[in-house]
Each structure stands twice: as structure tokens, then as C-alpha cells.
Amino acid sequence: MTKENSVSLELGSGGKRMRDFIAELIVPSFRNPLLDDLGDACHLPEGVAFTTDSYVVDPIFFPGGDIGTLAVNGTVNDLVVSGAEPRYVSLAFILEEGLAWKDLRNILRSVRRAARRAGVHVTTGDTKVVRRGQADKIYINTSGVGPIVARPRIDRVRPGDRVIVTGTLGEHSLAVLLAREDFGLEAKTRSDCAPLNYLLPLWKKGALWMRDITRGGLATILSELAERLPFALLIEEEKIPLSPAVRGASEILGIDPLFLACEGRAVIVAPRSKAELLLREIRKDPLGRRAEIIGEISARTGRPGELLLSTMAGGLRLLEPLTSELLPRIC
């Protein structure tokens, strides 16, 4: 990756290019025990978790949200799936000269609503303005902190443990794609962008591991998990929840929905004995009504480190991390 002369757009896909960039440049530059885990949030010695993220979505307004909604929920969700209760966030803007004041006011209102819904306070921030043409309307960086309530225990994952998805996949990617009006498609779909605070109690009820399903989609995230396990990971195609809109658009465009991003969904690994209990708890919340157990950790099918899809046709398909950018600038 670093042998190339310049950065490519694919670096921001959340897939293999991003992983290579982190492994080859970031980790060697700043190696330390807190960074080396490379989780969605860092667990600091003081008993708090810390995370940061930047948002460059295009367009900045889309069905179901906008860049402000995305910035708050993305940071909140990184804390939740890392075992921390979101409390405080920062808010930093890079604004392009010429951005309409009405757009900025609408984004600020979205930030306020999203923060109130997620129970977090915006406590610090920054604003910079660049010349017209040196940005694309607005970029946002947010950081978040909160007390640790549990620690993900990937070391306790065993064969037979179940994989749970908290809802349908790909609505965020599809909503952004349709808002760009590049393909002439129409569908009644909205981004799934939402806070995942309702998942916090699951840490105390047996959840072993969580990740929010963002760039790279479900397949990339589970591929990364499988690589860290001495077992294979098997998921079943027929059990993966998809909305009719995502299923139809994916077929028309030739896009695999397993690689589409969400902004209000998570994947959870639960002990076999507690998976049904956790599934019932998730389904109690409106955001989790379409949650499903989609697979398991397997010691009998596949080799250690593999992610396998049991297809509806009856075969097995090896899934690997995303290698190229399906939809740039979706978050």
C-alpha cells in the first residue's frame, strides 16, 4: 500500500486498504499498549473510554439524517460497542467559504437533537474556515468520552457462541446513494442512523463482543473478527435481515449488501446459552425489532480465521474484507 505514490480514495473504505495503512504507518509511528488494541474506542487507565472520528459525507443532508446526526451517533456508538457509557462529546467544524447559514443552522439543530436523544453533552469544540473550493461544504470531527461499564472479551469466545445482528443492513449506504441521484433509482428508504445506547445493558447480560456496522459492512467487520479467533465463523445467508429496498437496489446495481454500511446497527457475539435471551432484549427496543441470530463460531466448518457464508443455494462462500471503495464518502 505505502509503495504507491499517493493516497487513493479507497483508503477511506474501512477495508483492507485502511487496515494496511494503519498497520504500516500509524501503529509503527505511535506504538503503545493503549493504541495497539485498535478498538472503536480506547480504554484508558482512568476507567474511561475515549474515541474520535471525522465525517465527510456527501451529500451533507440525506433521508433520515445529515452530517450532524451522523457525527453524534457515530461517536456515541463507538463508545457503546466498546463497553462504555457515552457522556461527553466534542464538536469541531471545518467549513468551506460559501456554506449557507441556513444549512449550518440546520446541522446544529440536528447535533442538538441527536445529543439529547443519546444523553450526551457537547462540551468543547473548534471551528476553522477554508477558502471556497478547498473543502466540500462542511467536515465534522467529534470525540467522545464515557465511563467503562464492561470490557469486550474476545478471549472468551468459544465454538457454538452465536452471532447476532441488531437489524436490517445497508439502509444508510442506500439512503446516501439515492440522495446523490447518480443512478436514477428511487426507493422509500431512510438512513438507519441512530444511537445504540439501548445495547449497553447487554454487556452485563453476557455479551462478549460488539461492533457497530459502518464502513466495510458486516462482511468486513466479521472478517476482522474471524482473523483474531482460533476458529472459523459461519453465518447463514437466509437469516441475514435485509429490507426489500436494499435487496432490490443491491440486485440492480450488483452490490453485495454484506459490504454496505449502517449507522445504527451492531453485530454482537453472545454465549450460546445466553443468545436467545440477548436477542429478546434487543427486540424490545424499536431499533432492534428485526434483530436476528445469523450464525455461530464454528470449530467443525472451515479453517481458523475464516469467515464463511452458508448460501441459500446450499454452498459455502468465503467472505473477505472489502478491498475497494463501493461507495465513497458515506460517513
Protein backbone atom coordinates (compact mmCIF):
# COMPACT_ATOMS: atom_id res chain seq x y z
CA MET A 1 0.00 0.00 0.00
CA THR A 2 2.65 2.53 1.03
CA LYS A 3 4.66 1.76 -2.13
CA GLU A 4 2.12 3.79 -4.11
CA ASN A 5 2.98 7.41 -4.86
CA SER A 6 -0.14 8.95 -3.34
CA VAL A 7 -3.22 8.32 -1.24
CA SER A 8 -6.20 6.83 -3.08
CA LEU A 9 -9.88 7.24 -2.30
CA GLU A 10 -10.03 3.55 -1.40
CA LEU A 11 -8.02 4.27 1.73
CA GLY A 12 -11.21 5.51 3.39
CA SER A 13 -13.26 2.38 2.67
CA GLY A 14 -12.75 0.77 6.06
CA GLY A 15 -11.47 -2.34 4.29
CA LYS A 16 -8.08 -3.85 3.54
CA ARG A 17 -6.54 -0.59 2.32
CA MET A 18 -7.40 1.10 5.60
CA ARG A 19 -6.08 -1.82 7.63
CA ASP A 20 -2.81 -1.82 5.71
CA PHE A 21 -2.46 1.93 6.23
CA ILE A 22 -2.94 1.56 9.97
CA ALA A 23 -0.59 -1.41 10.23
CA GLU A 24 2.17 0.05 8.05
CA LEU A 25 2.10 3.73 9.04
CA ILE A 26 0.02 4.53 12.09
CA VAL A 27 0.88 1.75 14.53
CA PRO A 28 4.67 1.88 13.92
CA SER A 29 4.62 5.66 14.33
CA PHE A 30 2.83 5.72 17.68
CA ARG A 31 3.11 2.21 19.07
CA ASN A 32 1.93 1.92 22.66
CA PRO A 33 -0.23 -0.55 24.64
CA LEU A 34 -3.30 1.69 24.52
CA LEU A 35 -3.18 2.07 20.75
CA ASP A 36 -2.25 -1.49 19.85
CA ASP A 37 -5.71 -2.93 20.53
CA LEU A 38 -7.15 -0.82 17.68
CA GLY A 39 -10.71 -0.95 19.01
CA ASP A 40 -13.50 1.51 18.25
CA ALA A 41 -12.58 3.29 21.48
CA CYS A 42 -9.55 3.19 23.74
CA HIS A 43 -9.94 2.07 27.35
CA LEU A 44 -7.82 4.48 29.38
CA PRO A 45 -6.30 3.58 32.77
CA GLU A 46 -8.56 6.13 34.48
CA GLY A 47 -11.63 3.96 33.88
CA VAL A 48 -12.94 5.94 30.91
CA ALA A 49 -13.11 5.18 27.20
CA PHE A 50 -12.06 7.68 24.54
CA THR A 51 -12.86 7.74 20.82
CA THR A 52 -12.66 10.15 17.89
CA ASP A 53 -13.95 10.21 14.31
CA SER A 54 -14.32 12.55 11.34
CA TYR A 55 -17.27 12.87 8.96
CA VAL A 56 -17.15 13.91 5.30
CA VAL A 57 -20.44 12.53 3.98
CA ASP A 58 -21.69 13.63 0.56
CA PRO A 59 -24.38 14.95 0.37
CA ILE A 60 -24.48 16.54 3.80
CA PHE A 61 -28.27 16.04 4.01
CA PHE A 62 -29.83 12.66 3.22
CA PRO A 63 -33.09 10.83 4.03
CA GLY A 64 -33.05 10.00 7.72
CA GLY A 65 -30.35 12.42 8.82
CA ASP A 66 -27.47 14.71 7.97
CA ILE A 67 -23.79 15.11 8.75
CA GLY A 68 -24.62 16.44 12.23
CA THR A 69 -26.79 13.45 13.15
CA LEU A 70 -24.11 11.16 11.80
CA ALA A 71 -21.30 12.79 13.78
CA VAL A 72 -23.01 12.46 17.15
CA ASN A 73 -24.39 8.96 16.66
CA GLY A 74 -21.17 7.62 15.16
CA THR A 75 -19.16 8.70 18.18
CA VAL A 76 -21.80 7.54 20.66
CA ASN A 77 -21.97 4.13 19.02
CA ASP A 78 -18.20 3.65 19.06
CA LEU A 79 -18.30 4.09 22.83
CA VAL A 80 -21.28 1.76 23.34
CA VAL A 81 -19.80 -1.15 21.39
CA SER A 82 -16.55 -0.69 23.28
CA GLY A 83 -18.28 -1.18 26.61
CA ALA A 84 -18.59 2.45 27.69
CA GLU A 85 -21.49 4.75 28.55
CA PRO A 86 -21.38 7.87 26.34
CA ARG A 87 -21.27 11.08 28.39
CA TYR A 88 -19.44 13.93 26.61
CA VAL A 89 -18.54 14.78 23.02
CA SER A 90 -16.50 17.43 21.28
CA LEU A 91 -17.60 19.14 18.08
CA ALA A 92 -15.10 20.55 15.57
CA PHE A 93 -16.05 22.08 12.21
CA ILE A 94 -14.09 22.67 9.04
CA LEU A 95 -16.32 24.98 7.00
CA GLU A 96 -15.93 25.93 3.36
CA GLU A 97 -16.34 29.58 2.48
CA GLY A 98 -19.81 29.98 0.98
CA LEU A 99 -21.62 27.41 3.11
CA ALA A 100 -25.19 28.66 3.55
CA TRP A 101 -26.02 29.83 7.07
CA LYS A 102 -29.35 28.00 6.91
CA ASP A 103 -27.53 24.73 6.27
CA LEU A 104 -25.20 25.29 9.21
CA ARG A 105 -28.12 26.16 11.49
CA ASN A 106 -29.97 23.01 10.42
CA ILE A 107 -26.90 20.90 11.13
CA LEU A 108 -26.51 22.47 14.58
CA ARG A 109 -30.14 21.68 15.32
CA SER A 110 -29.52 18.08 14.27
CA VAL A 111 -26.47 17.88 16.55
CA ARG A 112 -28.53 19.20 19.45
CA ARG A 113 -31.38 16.72 18.87
CA ALA A 114 -29.02 13.77 18.42
CA ALA A 115 -27.03 14.66 21.54
CA ARG A 116 -30.22 14.99 23.60
CA ARG A 117 -31.51 11.64 22.35
CA ALA A 118 -28.20 9.91 23.12
CA GLY A 119 -27.87 11.55 26.52
CA VAL A 120 -24.54 13.25 25.82
CA HIS A 121 -23.33 16.82 26.27
CA VAL A 122 -21.32 18.81 23.72
CA THR A 123 -18.63 20.28 25.97
CA THR A 124 -15.85 21.57 23.71
CA GLY A 125 -15.05 22.17 20.05
CA ASP A 126 -13.40 24.20 17.34
CA THR A 127 -14.20 25.93 14.05
CA LYS A 128 -11.97 26.59 11.05
CA VAL A 129 -12.93 28.09 7.67
CA VAL A 130 -11.13 27.33 4.38
CA ARG A 131 -11.39 29.06 1.04
CA ARG A 132 -14.05 28.18 -1.47
CA GLY A 133 -13.05 25.01 -3.30
CA GLN A 134 -10.70 23.78 -0.56
CA ALA A 135 -13.37 21.62 1.11
CA ASP A 136 -16.86 20.34 0.35
CA LYS A 137 -19.25 22.50 2.38
CA ILE A 138 -18.54 21.07 5.84
CA TYR A 139 -16.46 18.41 7.58
CA ILE A 140 -17.01 17.50 11.24
CA ASN A 141 -14.75 15.86 13.80
CA THR A 142 -16.18 14.55 17.06
CA SER A 143 -14.54 12.88 20.04
CA GLY A 144 -16.32 11.16 22.89
CA VAL A 145 -15.60 10.01 26.42
CA GLY A 146 -17.52 7.97 28.97
CA PRO A 147 -17.07 5.60 31.88
CA ILE A 148 -16.26 1.97 31.14
CA VAL A 149 -19.04 -0.44 32.13
CA ALA A 150 -17.53 -3.62 30.66
CA ARG A 151 -14.60 -4.87 28.61
CA PRO A 152 -15.06 -6.84 25.39
CA ARG A 153 -13.80 -10.39 25.97
CA ILE A 154 -12.81 -11.84 22.64
CA ASP A 155 -10.59 -14.26 24.56
CA ARG A 156 -13.73 -15.91 25.95
CA VAL A 157 -15.33 -16.59 22.55
CA ARG A 158 -15.82 -20.33 22.03
CA PRO A 159 -17.27 -22.65 19.37
CA GLY A 160 -21.05 -22.57 19.47
CA ASP A 161 -21.25 -18.93 20.53
CA ARG A 162 -23.81 -17.06 18.45
CA VAL A 163 -23.57 -14.04 16.15
CA ILE A 164 -26.44 -11.54 16.40
CA VAL A 165 -27.23 -8.66 14.04
CA THR A 166 -29.44 -5.96 15.59
CA GLY A 167 -31.38 -5.07 12.43
CA THR A 168 -31.54 -4.84 8.67
CA LEU A 169 -28.36 -3.98 6.79
CA GLY A 170 -27.41 -1.27 4.32
CA GLU A 171 -30.10 1.41 4.72
CA HIS A 172 -27.54 4.14 5.40
CA SER A 173 -25.48 3.37 2.30
CA LEU A 174 -28.60 3.18 0.15
CA ALA A 175 -30.05 6.44 1.52
CA VAL A 176 -26.82 8.32 0.77
CA LEU A 177 -26.52 6.70 -2.64
CA LEU A 178 -30.07 7.70 -3.63
CA ALA A 179 -29.57 11.23 -2.31
CA ARG A 180 -26.70 11.65 -4.81
CA GLU A 181 -29.09 10.92 -7.71
CA ASP A 182 -26.30 9.27 -9.69
CA PHE A 183 -28.17 6.11 -10.73
CA GLY A 184 -31.71 7.27 -11.38
CA LEU A 185 -33.11 4.92 -8.74
CA GLU A 186 -35.98 5.71 -6.42
CA ALA A 187 -36.81 3.89 -3.20
CA LYS A 188 -38.51 4.73 0.06
CA THR A 189 -35.56 4.21 2.34
CA ARG A 190 -34.02 6.24 5.13
CA SER A 191 -30.66 6.02 6.81
CA ASP A 192 -30.67 3.81 9.91
CA CYS A 193 -28.53 6.44 11.68
CA ALA A 194 -29.37 6.18 15.40
CA PRO A 195 -27.69 5.86 18.82
CA LEU A 196 -27.10 2.37 20.16
CA ASN A 197 -27.39 3.21 23.87
CA TYR A 198 -30.06 0.54 24.27
CA LEU A 199 -27.36 -2.11 23.81
CA LEU A 200 -25.38 -1.04 26.88
CA PRO A 201 -27.26 -3.36 29.32
CA LEU A 202 -26.29 -6.36 27.19
CA TRP A 203 -22.72 -6.11 28.46
CA LYS A 204 -23.97 -7.05 31.92
CA LYS A 205 -26.16 -9.81 30.49
CA GLY A 206 -23.42 -11.78 28.79
CA ALA A 207 -22.37 -10.08 25.53
CA LEU A 208 -18.76 -10.96 24.72
CA TRP A 209 -18.03 -8.61 21.83
CA MET A 210 -19.74 -5.88 19.77
CA ARG A 211 -19.03 -3.69 16.76
CA ASP A 212 -21.22 -1.14 15.02
CA ILE A 213 -21.59 -1.94 11.33
CA THR A 214 -20.13 1.03 9.47
CA ARG A 215 -17.62 1.28 6.62
CA GLY A 216 -16.88 -2.08 5.02
CA GLY A 217 -20.19 -3.52 6.16
CA LEU A 218 -20.95 -6.72 8.06
CA ALA A 219 -18.63 -8.90 5.98
CA THR A 220 -15.54 -6.76 6.61
CA ILE A 221 -16.20 -6.46 10.33
CA LEU A 222 -16.78 -10.19 10.80
CA SER A 223 -13.74 -10.99 8.64
CA GLU A 224 -11.62 -8.93 11.01
CA LEU A 225 -13.15 -10.73 13.98
CA ALA A 226 -12.55 -14.16 12.43
CA GLU A 227 -8.88 -13.34 11.87
CA ARG A 228 -8.47 -12.85 15.63
CA LEU A 229 -10.06 -16.19 16.53
CA PRO A 230 -8.61 -19.73 16.53
CA PHE A 231 -11.89 -20.87 14.97
CA ALA A 232 -13.96 -20.22 11.85
CA LEU A 233 -17.03 -18.01 11.78
CA LEU A 234 -20.10 -19.29 9.92
CA ILE A 235 -23.09 -17.11 9.03
CA GLU A 236 -26.28 -18.09 7.18
CA GLU A 237 -27.44 -16.03 4.21
CA GLU A 238 -31.13 -16.77 4.71
CA LYS A 239 -31.05 -15.40 8.26
CA ILE A 240 -29.44 -12.04 7.43
CA PRO A 241 -32.16 -9.34 7.64
CA LEU A 242 -32.46 -7.08 4.58
CA SER A 243 -35.19 -4.61 3.68
CA PRO A 244 -36.91 -5.01 0.29
CA ALA A 245 -35.38 -1.70 -0.84
CA VAL A 246 -31.81 -2.76 -0.04
CA ARG A 247 -32.31 -6.20 -1.52
CA GLY A 248 -33.74 -4.77 -4.75
CA ALA A 249 -31.18 -1.99 -5.16
CA SER A 250 -28.32 -4.41 -4.48
CA GLU A 251 -29.55 -6.75 -7.21
CA ILE A 252 -29.98 -3.92 -9.72
CA LEU A 253 -26.57 -2.37 -9.03
CA GLY A 254 -24.69 -5.62 -8.49
CA ILE A 255 -23.65 -4.61 -4.96
CA ASP A 256 -23.27 -7.15 -2.16
CA PRO A 257 -25.36 -5.86 0.79
CA LEU A 258 -22.99 -7.58 3.20
CA PHE A 259 -20.47 -4.82 2.40
CA LEU A 260 -22.89 -1.89 2.78
CA ALA A 261 -22.57 0.45 5.75
CA CYS A 262 -25.07 1.06 8.51
CA GLU A 263 -25.04 3.80 11.14
CA GLY A 264 -27.47 2.36 13.66
CA ARG A 265 -26.81 -1.38 13.62
CA ALA A 266 -24.38 -3.60 15.51
CA VAL A 267 -23.13 -7.17 15.41
CA ILE A 268 -22.79 -8.99 18.72
CA VAL A 269 -21.17 -12.24 19.80
CA ALA A 270 -23.06 -13.91 22.65
CA PRO A 271 -22.52 -17.17 24.53
CA ARG A 272 -24.67 -19.95 23.14
CA SER A 273 -26.56 -20.26 26.44
CA LYS A 274 -27.46 -16.56 26.52
CA ALA A 275 -28.00 -15.74 22.84
CA GLU A 276 -31.80 -16.13 22.86
CA LEU A 277 -32.07 -14.01 26.00
CA LEU A 278 -30.00 -11.24 24.42
CA LEU A 279 -32.00 -11.46 21.21
CA ARG A 280 -35.25 -10.94 23.15
CA GLU A 281 -33.74 -7.96 24.96
CA ILE A 282 -32.64 -6.38 21.68
CA ARG A 283 -36.06 -6.86 20.10
CA LYS A 284 -37.73 -4.95 22.94
CA ASP A 285 -36.32 -1.72 21.52
CA PRO A 286 -37.84 -0.31 18.29
CA LEU A 287 -34.35 -0.18 16.76
CA GLY A 288 -33.88 -3.90 17.36
CA ARG A 289 -37.19 -5.35 16.22
CA ARG A 290 -35.62 -7.07 13.22
CA ALA A 291 -32.63 -8.46 15.10
CA GLU A 292 -31.64 -12.00 14.21
CA ILE A 293 -29.15 -14.69 15.18
CA ILE A 294 -27.32 -15.13 11.88
CA GLY A 295 -24.52 -17.54 12.66
CA GLU A 296 -22.05 -19.01 15.10
CA ILE A 297 -18.42 -19.60 15.94
CA SER A 298 -17.52 -22.95 14.38
CA ALA A 299 -14.80 -25.50 15.10
CA ARG A 300 -16.19 -28.02 12.58
CA THR A 301 -16.71 -25.99 9.39
CA GLY A 302 -13.89 -24.05 7.80
CA ARG A 303 -10.39 -23.26 8.99
CA PRO A 304 -9.34 -20.96 11.84
CA GLY A 305 -9.62 -17.32 10.83
CA GLU A 306 -12.11 -17.87 8.01
CA LEU A 307 -15.49 -16.18 7.60
CA LEU A 308 -17.87 -18.44 5.70
CA LEU A 309 -21.32 -17.72 4.31
CA SER A 310 -23.76 -20.62 4.05
CA THR A 311 -25.66 -19.59 0.93
CA MET A 312 -29.33 -20.12 0.17
CA ALA A 313 -28.21 -22.29 -2.75
CA GLY A 314 -26.66 -24.72 -0.30
CA GLY A 315 -22.97 -23.94 -0.74
CA LEU A 316 -20.28 -22.20 1.26
CA ARG A 317 -18.72 -18.91 0.24
CA LEU A 318 -15.54 -17.49 1.71
CA LEU A 319 -16.01 -13.83 2.68
CA GLU A 320 -13.03 -11.49 2.85
CA PRO A 321 -12.64 -7.82 3.85
CA LEU A 322 -13.64 -5.12 1.41
CA THR A 323 -10.70 -4.32 -0.88
CA SER A 324 -12.06 -1.37 -2.88
CA GLU A 325 -14.39 1.54 -2.19
CA LEU A 326 -18.00 0.64 -3.04
CA LEU A 327 -19.49 3.99 -2.06
CA PRO A 328 -17.00 6.74 -1.12
CA ARG A 329 -17.84 9.38 1.48
CA ILE A 330 -20.81 7.69 3.12
CA CYS A 331 -19.82 8.83 6.62
